[in-house]
């Protein structure tokens, strides 16, 4: 599986320096791997340290974005859910 890395940005588009998203853990990533090795598309929202993170997995690409406001994170997650054609997104 090829994994792309992206800069983590907050709701205002500024890169977050020297921060690692809690969503990038190997345990969470493995939850979405099917028995045939394919990664299921998903959208996940989590709050950590006063920030809101949205993780989007689509095929072999993974994107994590950080937001200062919960409402921005939820709106972004809803848009990604619709784009991927998912029934819902996960709030962890």
C-alpha atoms as a PDB file:
ATOM      1  CA  UNK A   1       0.000   0.000   0.000  1.00  0.00           C
ATOM      2  CA  UNK A   2       1.346   3.410  -0.961  1.00  0.00           C
ATOM      3  CA  UNK A   3       0.819   6.108   1.644  1.00  0.00           C
ATOM      4  CA  UNK A   4       0.858   9.808   0.881  1.00  0.00           C
ATOM      5  CA  UNK A   5       1.806  12.345   3.498  1.00  0.00           C
ATOM      6  CA  UNK A   6       0.310  15.796   3.729  1.00  0.00           C
ATOM      7  CA  UNK A   7       0.934  18.838   5.880  1.00  0.00           C
ATOM      8  CA  UNK A   8      -1.488  19.089   8.745  1.00  0.00           C
ATOM      9  CA  UNK A   9      -3.299  22.427   8.629  1.00  0.00           C
ATOM     10  CA  UNK A  10      -5.688  24.143  10.972  1.00  0.00           C
ATOM     11  CA  UNK A  11      -9.010  25.696   9.985  1.00  0.00           C
ATOM     12  CA  UNK A  12      -7.244  28.803   8.724  1.00  0.00           C
ATOM     13  CA  UNK A  13      -4.829  26.986   6.417  1.00  0.00           C
ATOM     14  CA  UNK A  14      -1.707  27.529   8.518  1.00  0.00           C
ATOM     15  CA  UNK A  15       0.599  24.499   8.859  1.00  0.00           C
ATOM     16  CA  UNK A  16       0.897  23.134  12.375  1.00  0.00           C
ATOM     17  CA  UNK A  17       4.597  22.957  13.130  1.00  0.00           C
ATOM     18  CA  UNK A  18       6.127  19.927  14.859  1.00  0.00           C
ATOM     19  CA  UNK A  19       2.781  18.340  15.646  1.00  0.00           C
ATOM     20  CA  UNK A  20       1.808  14.741  15.098  1.00  0.00           C
ATOM     21  CA  UNK A  21      -1.865  13.949  14.783  1.00  0.00           C
ATOM     22  CA  UNK A  22      -3.228  11.389  17.257  1.00  0.00           C
ATOM     23  CA  UNK A  23      -5.090   9.921  14.272  1.00  0.00           C
ATOM     24  CA  UNK A  24      -1.953   8.695  12.571  1.00  0.00           C
ATOM     25  CA  UNK A  25      -1.464   5.770  14.937  1.00  0.00           C
ATOM     26  CA  UNK A  26      -0.888   2.351  13.437  1.00  0.00           C
ATOM     27  CA  UNK A  27      -3.705   0.835  15.526  1.00  0.00           C
ATOM     28  CA  UNK A  28      -6.339   3.173  14.085  1.00  0.00           C
ATOM     29  CA  UNK A  29      -5.073   2.702  10.551  1.00  0.00           C
ATOM     30  CA  UNK A  30      -5.274  -1.080  10.863  1.00  0.00           C
ATOM     31  CA  UNK A  31      -8.952  -0.875  11.893  1.00  0.00           C
ATOM     32  CA  UNK A  32      -9.825   0.083   8.311  1.00  0.00           C
ATOM     33  CA  UNK A  33      -7.932  -2.694   6.509  1.00  0.00           C
ATOM     34  CA  UNK A  34     -10.235  -5.348   5.018  1.00  0.00           C
ATOM     35  CA  UNK A  35      -9.341  -9.038   4.913  1.00  0.00           C
ATOM     36  CA  UNK A  36      -8.189  -8.770   1.295  1.00  0.00           C
ATOM     37  CA  UNK A  37      -5.707  -5.987   2.150  1.00  0.00           C
ATOM     38  CA  UNK A  38      -7.838  -3.160   0.733  1.00  0.00           C
ATOM     39  CA  UNK A  39      -8.362  -0.080   2.883  1.00  0.00           C
ATOM     40  CA  UNK A  40     -11.999   0.897   3.339  1.00  0.00           C
ATOM     41  CA  UNK A  41     -12.788   4.590   2.800  1.00  0.00           C
ATOM     42  CA  UNK A  42     -13.613   6.392   6.032  1.00  0.00           C
ATOM     43  CA  UNK A  43     -13.900   9.779   7.699  1.00  0.00           C
ATOM     44  CA  UNK A  44     -13.046  10.121  11.398  1.00  0.00           C
ATOM     45  CA  UNK A  45     -13.304  13.099  13.767  1.00  0.00           C
ATOM     46  CA  UNK A  46     -11.477  13.329  17.095  1.00  0.00           C
ATOM     47  CA  UNK A  47     -10.801  16.062  19.645  1.00  0.00           C
ATOM     48  CA  UNK A  48      -7.369  16.191  21.246  1.00  0.00           C
ATOM     49  CA  UNK A  49      -5.628  18.947  23.209  1.00  0.00           C
ATOM     50  CA  UNK A  50      -8.265  21.528  22.345  1.00  0.00           C
ATOM     51  CA  UNK A  51      -8.099  20.920  18.594  1.00  0.00           C
ATOM     52  CA  UNK A  52     -10.327  18.942  16.259  1.00  0.00           C
ATOM     53  CA  UNK A  53      -8.779  16.499  13.785  1.00  0.00           C
ATOM     54  CA  UNK A  54     -10.467  15.020  10.709  1.00  0.00           C
ATOM     55  CA  UNK A  55      -8.863  11.961   9.126  1.00  0.00           C
ATOM     56  CA  UNK A  56      -9.972  10.985   5.608  1.00  0.00           C
ATOM     57  CA  UNK A  57      -8.922   7.661   4.072  1.00  0.00           C
ATOM     58  CA  UNK A  58      -9.717   7.118   0.396  1.00  0.00           C
ATOM     59  CA  UNK A  59      -8.064   4.170  -1.327  1.00  0.00           C
ATOM     60  CA  UNK A  60      -4.335   4.449  -0.767  1.00  0.00           C
ATOM     61  CA  UNK A  61      -4.444   8.111   0.289  1.00  0.00           C
ATOM     62  CA  UNK A  62      -4.779   9.413   3.830  1.00  0.00           C
ATOM     63  CA  UNK A  63      -5.277  13.055   4.795  1.00  0.00           C
ATOM     64  CA  UNK A  64      -5.461  14.490   8.306  1.00  0.00           C
ATOM     65  CA  UNK A  65      -6.476  18.088   8.907  1.00  0.00           C
ATOM     66  CA  UNK A  66      -6.658  20.003  12.173  1.00  0.00           C
ATOM     67  CA  UNK A  67      -9.231  22.661  13.029  1.00  0.00           C
ATOM     68  CA  UNK A  68      -9.513  25.084  15.911  1.00  0.00           C
ATOM     69  CA  UNK A  69     -13.318  24.989  15.911  1.00  0.00           C
ATOM     70  CA  UNK A  70     -15.491  21.881  16.203  1.00  0.00           C
ATOM     71  CA  UNK A  71     -18.066  23.284  13.773  1.00  0.00           C
ATOM     72  CA  UNK A  72     -15.415  23.678  11.041  1.00  0.00           C
ATOM     73  CA  UNK A  73     -14.200  20.111  11.606  1.00  0.00           C
ATOM     74  CA  UNK A  74     -17.724  18.682  11.459  1.00  0.00           C
ATOM     75  CA  UNK A  75     -18.581  20.630   8.310  1.00  0.00           C
ATOM     76  CA  UNK A  76     -15.387  19.421   6.610  1.00  0.00           C
ATOM     77  CA  UNK A  77     -16.058  15.825   7.734  1.00  0.00           C
ATOM     78  CA  UNK A  78     -19.628  15.979   6.399  1.00  0.00           C
ATOM     79  CA  UNK A  79     -18.410  17.210   3.024  1.00  0.00           C
ATOM     80  CA  UNK A  80     -15.836  14.426   2.809  1.00  0.00           C
ATOM     81  CA  UNK A  81     -18.461  11.857   3.852  1.00  0.00           C
ATOM     82  CA  UNK A  82     -20.696  12.973   0.990  1.00  0.00           C
ATOM     83  CA  UNK A  83     -17.794  13.031  -1.490  1.00  0.00           C
ATOM     84  CA  UNK A  84     -16.894   9.439  -0.602  1.00  0.00           C
ATOM     85  CA  UNK A  85     -20.544   8.304  -0.595  1.00  0.00           C
ATOM     86  CA  UNK A  86     -20.427   7.050   3.009  1.00  0.00           C
ATOM     87  CA  UNK A  87     -23.464   6.632   5.234  1.00  0.00           C
ATOM     88  CA  UNK A  88     -21.823   8.441   8.166  1.00  0.00           C
ATOM     89  CA  UNK A  89     -18.508   9.421   9.720  1.00  0.00           C
ATOM     90  CA  UNK A  90     -16.964   8.255  12.980  1.00  0.00           C
ATOM     91  CA  UNK A  91     -16.511  10.475  16.031  1.00  0.00           C
ATOM     92  CA  UNK A  92     -13.775   8.918  18.127  1.00  0.00           C
END
